[in-house]
Amino acid sequence: MKKIFVMIISAMMLSTPLMAQSTELKQRIVEDGGTGPYKAIMKEEASLAEHTIFAPQDLSAFGSKQKLPVLVWGNGACNNSPFEHYKFLNEIASYGFLVVATGFIPMNDDPYRGPMSTTQQQIESIDWAIAQNKDPKSPYYKKIDVKHIAAAGMSCGGLQTLFNCADPRITTLMICNSGLFKQENAHNAVGGMPMPPKSKLNDIHTPVIYILGGKPDIAYENGMDDFHRINHVPACAANLPVGHGGTYLQPHGGEFSVVALAWLQWQLKGDKEAARMFKGDDNLLQKRKDWTLEKNEKFSKLK
């Protein structure tokens, strides 16, 4: 009897640290927190499974006078982890944004291997941000600007974003290295990707930017075809000829983060200086090496 009792106690002692480890929330400081004025952290939140949060480490600067606009992000290849985009997303968060990315937190640079993400996870991200802003127990209580939400994604994540584009809570779209497939090239899509028809573009109700990797980008034709079909909302297409992989894994997200940040600063924070990246014939984007910018007729109406 004594031997059995000792065995039970030993098993309990061994299991306790394992249980604690399994429930411990992971977090990681990326590139010293980014180059922005609010050093960021990448972390898990117990209240939102299968998502990764990027936010300023110190939230005390945010409240009634300054709030955190929201970016919800979908990953390339429908990966259920932002392992290819974490530097890019962390950089955005360091400029005073709450970024909610689909999928498990990447604690190293190993590729994600597991089930694909879903379009619904972006909706869960929006729901979560709004709920956190309302919850007095949340560290984000009354610190989130729920009236300014960007939906964005790369490749398959861009298709997920377009699938969700009709959500009335979204205030701008950012489609990266992506575009809807045409009927004649739909066979090139990877199995499991969302495949809305081109008519889905009519559901877009916000300004939209396409950030593409130029003609070497396998999504270039689809993305530019989308852009040329959109005439009911302001739209632009920015191209840097780096191919489908973009610059996300370069330090601080490379050139793509510069353009994405300018768009988000303008569309979600009303930053007139950031608008100069895109507005007018003398826009700053065309002065950056190798970038090109196309805009539709409605684009000039953006303030």
C-alpha atoms as a PDB file:
ATOM      1  CA  MET A   1       0.000   0.000   0.000  1.00  0.00           C
ATOM      2  CA  LYS A   2       2.820   2.406   0.906  1.00  0.00           C
ATOM      3  CA  LYS A   3       4.565   1.626  -2.387  1.00  0.00           C
ATOM      4  CA  ILE A   4       1.405   2.417  -4.377  1.00  0.00           C
ATOM      5  CA  PHE A   5       0.942   5.704  -2.466  1.00  0.00           C
ATOM      6  CA  VAL A   6       4.535   6.775  -3.227  1.00  0.00           C
ATOM      7  CA  MET A   7       4.029   5.941  -6.914  1.00  0.00           C
ATOM      8  CA  ILE A   8       0.881   8.123  -7.082  1.00  0.00           C
ATOM      9  CA  ILE A   9       2.622  11.084  -5.395  1.00  0.00           C
ATOM     10  CA  SER A  10       5.597  10.727  -7.742  1.00  0.00           C
ATOM     11  CA  ALA A  11       3.316  10.710 -10.781  1.00  0.00           C
ATOM     12  CA  MET A  12       1.555  13.858  -9.533  1.00  0.00           C
ATOM     13  CA  MET A  13       4.871  15.627  -9.010  1.00  0.00           C
ATOM     14  CA  LEU A  14       6.018  14.714 -12.503  1.00  0.00           C
ATOM     15  CA  SER A  15       2.760  15.783 -14.145  1.00  0.00           C
ATOM     16  CA  THR A  16       2.468  19.193 -12.495  1.00  0.00           C
ATOM     17  CA  PRO A  17       5.316  20.953 -14.329  1.00  0.00           C
ATOM     18  CA  LEU A  18       4.205  19.395 -17.609  1.00  0.00           C
ATOM     19  CA  MET A  19       0.683  20.767 -17.123  1.00  0.00           C
ATOM     20  CA  ALA A  20       2.062  24.199 -16.261  1.00  0.00           C
ATOM     21  CA  GLN A  21       4.249  24.149 -19.348  1.00  0.00           C
ATOM     22  CA  SER A  22       1.339  23.272 -21.643  1.00  0.00           C
ATOM     23  CA  THR A  23      -0.739  26.240 -20.455  1.00  0.00           C
ATOM     24  CA  GLU A  24       2.091  28.791 -20.359  1.00  0.00           C
ATOM     25  CA  LEU A  25       1.558  31.567 -22.896  1.00  0.00           C
ATOM     26  CA  LYS A  26       4.426  32.049 -25.333  1.00  0.00           C
ATOM     27  CA  GLN A  27       5.896  35.406 -26.278  1.00  0.00           C
ATOM     28  CA  ARG A  28       8.891  36.707 -28.162  1.00  0.00           C
ATOM     29  CA  ILE A  29      10.640  40.037 -28.746  1.00  0.00           C
ATOM     30  CA  VAL A  30      11.343  40.372 -32.477  1.00  0.00           C
ATOM     31  CA  GLU A  31      14.194  42.561 -33.766  1.00  0.00           C
ATOM     32  CA  ASP A  32      14.412  44.566 -30.527  1.00  0.00           C
ATOM     33  CA  GLY A  33      10.715  45.394 -30.819  1.00  0.00           C
ATOM     34  CA  GLY A  34      10.829  47.057 -34.241  1.00  0.00           C
ATOM     35  CA  THR A  35      11.903  50.526 -35.369  1.00  0.00           C
ATOM     36  CA  GLY A  36       8.715  52.351 -34.392  1.00  0.00           C
ATOM     37  CA  PRO A  37       8.144  54.545 -31.313  1.00  0.00           C
ATOM     38  CA  TYR A  38       6.249  51.757 -29.461  1.00  0.00           C
ATOM     39  CA  LYS A  39       8.490  48.723 -29.052  1.00  0.00           C
ATOM     40  CA  ALA A  40       6.405  45.678 -29.909  1.00  0.00           C
ATOM     41  CA  ILE A  41       6.030  42.141 -28.639  1.00  0.00           C
ATOM     42  CA  MET A  42       4.746  39.009 -30.376  1.00  0.00           C
ATOM     43  CA  LYS A  43       2.645  36.852 -28.072  1.00  0.00           C
ATOM     44  CA  GLU A  44      -0.188  34.435 -27.480  1.00  0.00           C
ATOM     45  CA  GLU A  45      -3.418  35.397 -25.748  1.00  0.00           C
ATOM     46  CA  ALA A  46      -5.348  32.820 -23.720  1.00  0.00           C
ATOM     47  CA  SER A  47      -8.633  34.305 -24.941  1.00  0.00           C
ATOM     48  CA  LEU A  48      -7.837  33.706 -28.637  1.00  0.00           C
ATOM     49  CA  ALA A  49      -6.636  30.264 -29.660  1.00  0.00           C
ATOM     50  CA  GLU A  50      -4.686  29.675 -32.895  1.00  0.00           C
ATOM     51  CA  HIS A  51      -3.802  33.355 -33.361  1.00  0.00           C
ATOM     52  CA  THR A  52      -0.687  35.456 -32.805  1.00  0.00           C
ATOM     53  CA  ILE A  53      -0.835  38.983 -31.384  1.00  0.00           C
ATOM     54  CA  PHE A  54       1.630  41.773 -32.155  1.00  0.00           C
ATOM     55  CA  ALA A  55       1.208  44.818 -29.930  1.00  0.00           C
ATOM     56  CA  PRO A  56       3.193  47.559 -28.201  1.00  0.00           C
ATOM     57  CA  GLN A  57       4.880  46.197 -25.084  1.00  0.00           C
ATOM     58  CA  ASP A  58       3.769  49.190 -23.041  1.00  0.00           C
ATOM     59  CA  LEU A  59       0.074  49.910 -23.480  1.00  0.00           C
ATOM     60  CA  SER A  60       0.050  52.857 -21.083  1.00  0.00           C
ATOM     61  CA  ALA A  61       0.385  55.302 -23.992  1.00  0.00           C
ATOM     62  CA  PHE A  62      -2.984  54.215 -25.336  1.00  0.00           C
ATOM     63  CA  GLY A  63      -6.420  55.182 -24.091  1.00  0.00           C
ATOM     64  CA  SER A  64      -9.045  57.839 -24.751  1.00  0.00           C
ATOM     65  CA  LYS A  65      -6.671  60.217 -26.576  1.00  0.00           C
ATOM     66  CA  GLN A  66      -4.772  57.628 -28.609  1.00  0.00           C
ATOM     67  CA  LYS A  67      -6.084  54.211 -29.561  1.00  0.00           C
ATOM     68  CA  LEU A  68      -4.691  51.191 -31.373  1.00  0.00           C
ATOM     69  CA  PRO A  69      -6.117  50.647 -34.870  1.00  0.00           C
ATOM     70  CA  VAL A  70      -6.404  46.976 -35.817  1.00  0.00           C
ATOM     71  CA  LEU A  71      -4.815  44.904 -38.575  1.00  0.00           C
ATOM     72  CA  VAL A  72      -6.070  41.333 -39.031  1.00  0.00           C
ATOM     73  CA  TRP A  73      -3.724  39.235 -41.149  1.00  0.00           C
ATOM     74  CA  GLY A  74      -3.934  35.999 -43.150  1.00  0.00           C
ATOM     75  CA  ASN A  75      -0.794  34.057 -44.095  1.00  0.00           C
ATOM     76  CA  GLY A  76       0.615  32.800 -47.362  1.00  0.00           C
ATOM     77  CA  ALA A  77      -0.105  29.193 -48.402  1.00  0.00           C
ATOM     78  CA  CYS A  78      -3.000  29.243 -45.892  1.00  0.00           C
ATOM     79  CA  ASN A  79      -0.400  28.494 -43.215  1.00  0.00           C
ATOM     80  CA  ASN A  80      -1.802  28.457 -39.711  1.00  0.00           C
ATOM     81  CA  SER A  81       1.187  30.442 -38.449  1.00  0.00           C
ATOM     82  CA  PRO A  82       2.685  33.810 -39.458  1.00  0.00           C
ATOM     83  CA  PHE A  83       6.209  32.336 -39.511  1.00  0.00           C
ATOM     84  CA  GLU A  84       6.961  33.996 -42.882  1.00  0.00           C
ATOM     85  CA  HIS A  85       5.568  37.395 -41.928  1.00  0.00           C
ATOM     86  CA  TYR A  86       6.389  37.977 -38.270  1.00  0.00           C
ATOM     87  CA  LYS A  87       9.116  40.598 -38.887  1.00  0.00           C
ATOM     88  CA  PHE A  88       6.782  42.557 -41.167  1.00  0.00           C
ATOM     89  CA  LEU A  89       3.870  42.363 -38.709  1.00  0.00           C
ATOM     90  CA  ASN A  90       6.019  43.185 -35.696  1.00  0.00           C
ATOM     91  CA  GLU A  91       7.296  46.301 -37.462  1.00  0.00           C
ATOM     92  CA  ILE A  92       3.735  47.477 -38.079  1.00  0.00           C
ATOM     93  CA  ALA A  93       2.798  46.934 -34.422  1.00  0.00           C
ATOM     94  CA  SER A  94       5.768  49.039 -33.322  1.00  0.00           C
ATOM     95  CA  TYR A  95       4.106  52.067 -34.905  1.00  0.00           C
ATOM     96  CA  GLY A  96       1.067  51.837 -32.662  1.00  0.00           C
ATOM     97  CA  PHE A  97      -1.145  49.145 -34.182  1.00  0.00           C
ATOM     98  CA  LEU A  98      -2.726  46.013 -32.772  1.00  0.00           C
ATOM     99  CA  VAL A  99      -1.985  43.198 -35.217  1.00  0.00           C
ATOM    100  CA  VAL A 100      -3.914  39.940 -34.958  1.00  0.00           C
ATOM    101  CA  ALA A 101      -2.462  37.285 -37.231  1.00  0.00           C
ATOM    102  CA  THR A 102      -4.053  33.982 -38.069  1.00  0.00           C
ATOM    103  CA  GLY A 103      -2.302  30.959 -36.606  1.00  0.00           C
ATOM    104  CA  PHE A 104       0.160  29.707 -34.018  1.00  0.00           C
ATOM    105  CA  ILE A 105       3.007  31.870 -32.768  1.00  0.00           C
ATOM    106  CA  PRO A 106       6.381  31.151 -34.489  1.00  0.00           C
ATOM    107  CA  MET A 107       9.009  30.788 -31.782  1.00  0.00           C
ATOM    108  CA  ASN A 108      11.766  30.140 -34.340  1.00  0.00           C
ATOM    109  CA  ASP A 109      12.222  30.259 -38.115  1.00  0.00           C
ATOM    110  CA  ASP A 110      11.132  26.675 -38.750  1.00  0.00           C
ATOM    111  CA  PRO A 111       8.412  26.329 -41.408  1.00  0.00           C
ATOM    112  CA  TYR A 112       4.921  25.624 -40.125  1.00  0.00           C
ATOM    113  CA  ARG A 113       3.730  22.083 -40.721  1.00  0.00           C
ATOM    114  CA  GLY A 114       0.128  21.392 -39.904  1.00  0.00           C
ATOM    115  CA  PRO A 115      -3.482  21.892 -41.005  1.00  0.00           C
ATOM    116  CA  MET A 116      -4.344  24.931 -43.107  1.00  0.00           C
ATOM    117  CA  SER A 117      -5.909  28.076 -41.685  1.00  0.00           C
ATOM    118  CA  THR A 118      -9.473  29.143 -42.461  1.00  0.00           C
ATOM    119  CA  THR A 119     -11.198  32.323 -43.604  1.00  0.00           C
ATOM    120  CA  GLN A 120     -13.181  32.334 -40.360  1.00  0.00           C
ATOM    121  CA  GLN A 121     -10.044  33.018 -38.313  1.00  0.00           C
ATOM    122  CA  GLN A 122      -9.901  36.591 -39.642  1.00  0.00           C
ATOM    123  CA  ILE A 123     -13.480  37.121 -38.470  1.00  0.00           C
ATOM    124  CA  GLU A 124     -12.512  35.661 -35.092  1.00  0.00           C
ATOM    125  CA  SER A 125      -9.662  38.206 -34.964  1.00  0.00           C
ATOM    126  CA  ILE A 126     -12.079  41.104 -35.476  1.00  0.00           C
ATOM    127  CA  ASP A 127     -14.556  39.696 -32.951  1.00  0.00           C
ATOM    128  CA  TRP A 128     -11.770  39.296 -30.393  1.00  0.00           C
ATOM    129  CA  ALA A 129     -10.421  42.837 -30.791  1.00  0.00           C
ATOM    130  CA  ILE A 130     -13.885  44.329 -30.336  1.00  0.00           C
ATOM    131  CA  ALA A 131     -14.576  42.133 -27.301  1.00  0.00           C
ATOM    132  CA  GLN A 132     -11.226  43.033 -25.708  1.00  0.00           C
ATOM    133  CA  ASN A 133     -11.966  46.720 -26.079  1.00  0.00           C
ATOM    134  CA  LYS A 134     -15.222  46.237 -24.163  1.00  0.00           C
ATOM    135  CA  ASP A 135     -13.843  43.982 -21.422  1.00  0.00           C
ATOM    136  CA  PRO A 136     -12.813  45.851 -18.214  1.00  0.00           C
ATOM    137  CA  LYS A 137     -10.586  42.893 -17.325  1.00  0.00           C
ATOM    138  CA  SER A 138      -8.622  43.112 -20.577  1.00  0.00           C
ATOM    139  CA  PRO A 139      -5.306  44.992 -20.832  1.00  0.00           C
ATOM    140  CA  TYR A 140      -6.714  46.380 -24.091  1.00  0.00           C
ATOM    141  CA  TYR A 141      -9.842  47.811 -22.434  1.00  0.00           C
ATOM    142  CA  LYS A 142     -10.831  51.065 -24.165  1.00  0.00           C
ATOM    143  CA  LYS A 143      -7.442  51.147 -25.932  1.00  0.00           C
ATOM    144  CA  ILE A 144      -8.483  49.726 -29.329  1.00  0.00           C
ATOM    145  CA  ASP A 145      -9.831  51.793 -32.205  1.00  0.00           C
ATOM    146  CA  VAL A 146     -12.543  49.386 -33.332  1.00  0.00           C
ATOM    147  CA  LYS A 147     -13.784  51.885 -35.930  1.00  0.00           C
ATOM    148  CA  HIS A 148     -10.562  51.531 -37.888  1.00  0.00           C
ATOM    149  CA  ILE A 149      -9.869  47.921 -38.847  1.00  0.00           C
ATOM    150  CA  ALA A 150      -7.751  46.751 -41.796  1.00  0.00           C
ATOM    151  CA  ALA A 151      -8.063  43.253 -43.201  1.00  0.00           C
ATOM    152  CA  ALA A 152      -5.000  42.031 -45.044  1.00  0.00           C
ATOM    153  CA  GLY A 153      -3.143  38.952 -46.137  1.00  0.00           C
ATOM    154  CA  MET A 154      -0.473  37.516 -48.398  1.00  0.00           C
ATOM    155  CA  SER A 155      -1.169  35.031 -51.227  1.00  0.00           C
ATOM    156  CA  CYS A 156      -3.773  32.624 -49.787  1.00  0.00           C
ATOM    157  CA  GLY A 157      -4.206  35.105 -46.931  1.00  0.00           C
ATOM    158  CA  GLY A 158      -5.137  37.708 -49.525  1.00  0.00           C
ATOM    159  CA  LEU A 159      -7.786  35.361 -50.902  1.00  0.00           C
ATOM    160  CA  GLN A 160      -9.091  34.873 -47.368  1.00  0.00           C
ATOM    161  CA  THR A 161      -9.235  38.654 -46.986  1.00  0.00           C
ATOM    162  CA  LEU A 162     -11.186  39.055 -50.220  1.00  0.00           C
ATOM    163  CA  PHE A 163     -13.526  36.274 -49.100  1.00  0.00           C
ATOM    164  CA  ASN A 164     -14.241  38.362 -45.972  1.00  0.00           C
ATOM    165  CA  CYS A 165     -14.264  41.766 -47.704  1.00  0.00           C
ATOM    166  CA  ALA A 166     -18.005  42.409 -47.221  1.00  0.00           C
ATOM    167  CA  ASP A 167     -17.711  42.529 -43.418  1.00  0.00           C
ATOM    168  CA  PRO A 168     -19.009  46.022 -42.550  1.00  0.00           C
ATOM    169  CA  ARG A 169     -16.502  46.410 -39.695  1.00  0.00           C
ATOM    170  CA  ILE A 170     -13.567  46.491 -42.132  1.00  0.00           C
ATOM    171  CA  THR A 171     -12.456  50.006 -43.095  1.00  0.00           C
ATOM    172  CA  THR A 172      -9.634  49.210 -45.543  1.00  0.00           C
ATOM    173  CA  LEU A 173      -8.132  46.226 -47.371  1.00  0.00           C
ATOM    174  CA  MET A 174      -4.507  45.370 -48.106  1.00  0.00           C
ATOM    175  CA  ILE A 175      -4.056  42.519 -50.595  1.00  0.00           C
ATOM    176  CA  CYS A 176      -0.437  41.364 -50.776  1.00  0.00           C
ATOM    177  CA  ASN A 177       1.015  39.102 -53.498  1.00  0.00           C
ATOM    178  CA  SER A 178      -2.477  37.914 -54.234  1.00  0.00           C
ATOM    179  CA  GLY A 179      -5.534  38.237 -56.406  1.00  0.00           C
ATOM    180  CA  LEU A 180      -8.628  36.269 -57.282  1.00  0.00           C
ATOM    181  CA  PHE A 181      -8.184  33.489 -59.819  1.00  0.00           C
ATOM    182  CA  LYS A 182      -9.889  33.758 -63.174  1.00  0.00           C
ATOM    183  CA  GLN A 183     -11.909  30.816 -64.429  1.00  0.00           C
ATOM    184  CA  GLU A 184      -9.232  29.935 -66.962  1.00  0.00           C
ATOM    185  CA  ASN A 185      -6.388  29.738 -64.424  1.00  0.00           C
ATOM    186  CA  ALA A 186      -8.254  28.442 -61.382  1.00  0.00           C
ATOM    187  CA  HIS A 187      -6.570  25.060 -61.857  1.00  0.00           C
ATOM    188  CA  ASN A 188      -3.305  26.663 -60.683  1.00  0.00           C
ATOM    189  CA  ALA A 189      -4.675  27.209 -57.185  1.00  0.00           C
ATOM    190  CA  VAL A 190      -3.454  25.077 -54.296  1.00  0.00           C
ATOM    191  CA  GLY A 191      -6.121  22.772 -52.905  1.00  0.00           C
ATOM    192  CA  GLY A 192      -7.908  24.199 -49.887  1.00  0.00           C
ATOM    193  CA  MET A 193      -7.550  27.851 -50.864  1.00  0.00           C
ATOM    194  CA  PRO A 194     -10.721  29.954 -50.814  1.00  0.00           C
ATOM    195  CA  MET A 195     -11.815  30.514 -54.412  1.00  0.00           C
ATOM    196  CA  PRO A 196     -14.323  33.369 -54.621  1.00  0.00           C
ATOM    197  CA  PRO A 197     -15.339  34.342 -58.164  1.00  0.00           C
ATOM    198  CA  LYS A 198     -14.259  37.683 -59.620  1.00  0.00           C
ATOM    199  CA  SER A 199     -17.754  39.003 -58.868  1.00  0.00           C
ATOM    200  CA  LYS A 200     -16.701  38.984 -55.195  1.00  0.00           C
ATOM    201  CA  LEU A 201     -14.789  42.190 -55.913  1.00  0.00           C
ATOM    202  CA  ASN A 202     -18.159  43.952 -56.030  1.00  0.00           C
ATOM    203  CA  ASP A 203     -18.501  43.308 -52.284  1.00  0.00           C
ATOM    204  CA  ILE A 204     -15.501  45.513 -51.499  1.00  0.00           C
ATOM    205  CA  HIS A 205     -16.815  48.608 -49.732  1.00  0.00           C
ATOM    206  CA  THR A 206     -13.537  50.212 -48.603  1.00  0.00           C
ATOM    207  CA  PRO A 207     -10.370  51.646 -50.136  1.00  0.00           C
ATOM    208  CA  VAL A 208      -8.023  48.847 -51.200  1.00  0.00           C
ATOM    209  CA  ILE A 209      -4.335  48.572 -51.992  1.00  0.00           C
ATOM    210  CA  TYR A 210      -2.689  45.700 -53.832  1.00  0.00           C
ATOM    211  CA  ILE A 211       0.996  45.291 -52.913  1.00  0.00           C
ATOM    212  CA  LEU A 212       2.543  42.959 -55.466  1.00  0.00           C
ATOM    213  CA  GLY A 213       5.961  41.606 -56.381  1.00  0.00           C
ATOM    214  CA  GLY A 214       5.870  42.811 -59.985  1.00  0.00           C
ATOM    215  CA  LYS A 215       5.809  40.569 -63.040  1.00  0.00           C
ATOM    216  CA  PRO A 216       8.005  37.902 -61.362  1.00  0.00           C
ATOM    217  CA  ASP A 217       5.202  37.438 -58.806  1.00  0.00           C
ATOM    218  CA  ILE A 218       2.998  34.446 -59.687  1.00  0.00           C
ATOM    219  CA  ALA A 219       0.066  36.435 -58.312  1.00  0.00           C
ATOM    220  CA  TYR A 220       0.828  39.516 -60.448  1.00  0.00           C
ATOM    221  CA  GLU A 221      -1.674  38.802 -63.235  1.00  0.00           C
ATOM    222  CA  ASN A 222      -4.475  37.882 -60.826  1.00  0.00           C
ATOM    223  CA  GLY A 223      -3.825  40.909 -58.628  1.00  0.00           C
ATOM    224  CA  MET A 224      -3.586  43.388 -61.479  1.00  0.00           C
ATOM    225  CA  ASP A 225      -6.702  41.910 -63.073  1.00  0.00           C
ATOM    226  CA  ASP A 226      -8.523  42.522 -59.761  1.00  0.00           C
ATOM    227  CA  PHE A 227      -7.235  46.085 -59.645  1.00  0.00           C
ATOM    228  CA  HIS A 228      -8.380  46.850 -63.193  1.00  0.00           C
ATOM    229  CA  ARG A 229     -11.867  45.506 -62.425  1.00  0.00           C
ATOM    230  CA  ILE A 230     -12.354  47.652 -59.286  1.00  0.00           C
ATOM    231  CA  ASN A 231     -13.993  50.934 -60.221  1.00  0.00           C
ATOM    232  CA  HIS A 232     -16.565  51.450 -57.438  1.00  0.00           C
ATOM    233  CA  VAL A 233     -14.115  52.169 -54.568  1.00  0.00           C
ATOM    234  CA  PRO A 234     -10.680  53.848 -54.435  1.00  0.00           C
ATOM    235  CA  ALA A 235      -7.994  51.342 -55.394  1.00  0.00           C
ATOM    236  CA  CYS A 236      -4.283  51.340 -56.142  1.00  0.00           C
ATOM    237  CA  ALA A 237      -1.667  48.772 -57.080  1.00  0.00           C
ATOM    238  CA  ALA A 238       1.929  49.111 -55.872  1.00  0.00           C
ATOM    239  CA  ASN A 239       4.550  46.875 -57.456  1.00  0.00           C
ATOM    240  CA  LEU A 240       8.145  46.070 -56.526  1.00  0.00           C
ATOM    241  CA  PRO A 241       9.702  43.416 -58.824  1.00  0.00           C
ATOM    242  CA  VAL A 242      10.910  41.028 -56.125  1.00  0.00           C
ATOM    243  CA  GLY A 243       8.634  38.069 -56.875  1.00  0.00           C
ATOM    244  CA  HIS A 244       5.975  36.275 -54.885  1.00  0.00           C
ATOM    245  CA  GLY A 245       7.911  36.099 -51.613  1.00  0.00           C
ATOM    246  CA  GLY A 246       7.928  39.870 -51.162  1.00  0.00           C
ATOM    247  CA  THR A 247      10.312  41.295 -48.560  1.00  0.00           C
ATOM    248  CA  TYR A 248       8.568  40.074 -45.410  1.00  0.00           C
ATOM    249  CA  LEU A 249      11.537  38.138 -44.035  1.00  0.00           C
ATOM    250  CA  GLN A 250      14.026  40.929 -44.589  1.00  0.00           C
ATOM    251  CA  PRO A 251      14.989  42.990 -41.515  1.00  0.00           C
ATOM    252  CA  HIS A 252      11.879  44.778 -40.246  1.00  0.00           C
ATOM    253  CA  GLY A 253       9.901  43.486 -43.231  1.00  0.00           C
ATOM    254  CA  GLY A 254      11.916  45.339 -45.857  1.00  0.00           C
ATOM    255  CA  GLU A 255      10.329  47.626 -48.448  1.00  0.00           C
ATOM    256  CA  PHE A 256       6.894  46.030 -48.168  1.00  0.00           C
ATOM    257  CA  SER A 257       6.585  47.189 -44.559  1.00  0.00           C
ATOM    258  CA  VAL A 258       7.420  50.773 -45.595  1.00  0.00           C
ATOM    259  CA  VAL A 259       4.542  50.851 -48.074  1.00  0.00           C
ATOM    260  CA  ALA A 260       2.128  48.902 -45.876  1.00  0.00           C
ATOM    261  CA  LEU A 261       2.824  51.191 -42.922  1.00  0.00           C
ATOM    262  CA  ALA A 262       2.231  54.308 -44.996  1.00  0.00           C
ATOM    263  CA  TRP A 263      -1.108  52.897 -46.171  1.00  0.00           C
ATOM    264  CA  LEU A 264      -2.192  51.938 -42.656  1.00  0.00           C
ATOM    265  CA  GLN A 265      -1.020  55.227 -41.132  1.00  0.00           C
ATOM    266  CA  TRP A 266      -3.091  57.072 -43.727  1.00  0.00           C
ATOM    267  CA  GLN A 267      -6.195  54.900 -43.822  1.00  0.00           C
ATOM    268  CA  LEU A 268      -6.433  53.990 -40.121  1.00  0.00           C
ATOM    269  CA  LYS A 269      -4.883  57.058 -38.462  1.00  0.00           C
ATOM    270  CA  GLY A 270      -5.592  59.808 -40.979  1.00  0.00           C
ATOM    271  CA  ASP A 271      -1.896  60.674 -41.285  1.00  0.00           C
ATOM    272  CA  LYS A 272      -1.608  63.266 -44.092  1.00  0.00           C
ATOM    273  CA  GLU A 273       2.167  62.886 -44.267  1.00  0.00           C
ATOM    274  CA  ALA A 274       1.779  59.143 -44.866  1.00  0.00           C
ATOM    275  CA  ALA A 275      -0.744  59.911 -47.621  1.00  0.00           C
ATOM    276  CA  ARG A 276       2.050  61.559 -49.618  1.00  0.00           C
ATOM    277  CA  MET A 277       3.391  58.077 -50.318  1.00  0.00           C
ATOM    278  CA  PHE A 278       0.421  57.566 -52.652  1.00  0.00           C
ATOM    279  CA  LYS A 279      -1.327  60.844 -53.459  1.00  0.00           C
ATOM    280  CA  GLY A 280      -0.640  63.032 -56.464  1.00  0.00           C
ATOM    281  CA  ASP A 281       1.573  62.732 -59.510  1.00  0.00           C
ATOM    282  CA  ASP A 282       4.588  63.501 -57.326  1.00  0.00           C
ATOM    283  CA  ASN A 283       3.828  60.722 -54.807  1.00  0.00           C
ATOM    284  CA  LEU A 284       6.755  59.500 -52.748  1.00  0.00           C
ATOM    285  CA  LEU A 285       6.355  55.849 -53.727  1.00  0.00           C
ATOM    286  CA  GLN A 286       7.433  56.468 -57.302  1.00  0.00           C
ATOM    287  CA  LYS A 287      10.633  58.022 -55.926  1.00  0.00           C
ATOM    288  CA  ARG A 288      11.569  54.837 -54.096  1.00  0.00           C
ATOM    289  CA  LYS A 289      13.829  52.523 -56.068  1.00  0.00           C
ATOM    290  CA  ASP A 290      12.010  50.181 -58.496  1.00  0.00           C
ATOM    291  CA  TRP A 291       8.487  50.832 -57.146  1.00  0.00           C
ATOM    292  CA  THR A 292       5.596  51.616 -59.499  1.00  0.00           C
ATOM    293  CA  LEU A 293       2.104  52.788 -58.554  1.00  0.00           C
ATOM    294  CA  GLU A 294      -1.189  52.679 -60.451  1.00  0.00           C
ATOM    295  CA  LYS A 295      -4.419  54.248 -59.212  1.00  0.00           C
ATOM    296  CA  ASN A 296      -8.037  54.071 -60.373  1.00  0.00           C
ATOM    297  CA  GLU A 297     -10.221  57.112 -61.019  1.00  0.00           C
ATOM    298  CA  LYS A 298     -11.811  57.110 -57.573  1.00  0.00           C
ATOM    299  CA  PHE A 299      -8.451  57.146 -55.825  1.00  0.00           C
ATOM    300  CA  SER A 300      -8.058  60.914 -56.122  1.00  0.00           C
ATOM    301  CA  LYS A 301     -11.168  61.382 -53.963  1.00  0.00           C
ATOM    302  CA  LEU A 302      -9.411  59.910 -50.927  1.00  0.00           C
ATOM    303  CA  LYS A 303      -8.538  62.572 -48.364  1.00  0.00           C
END
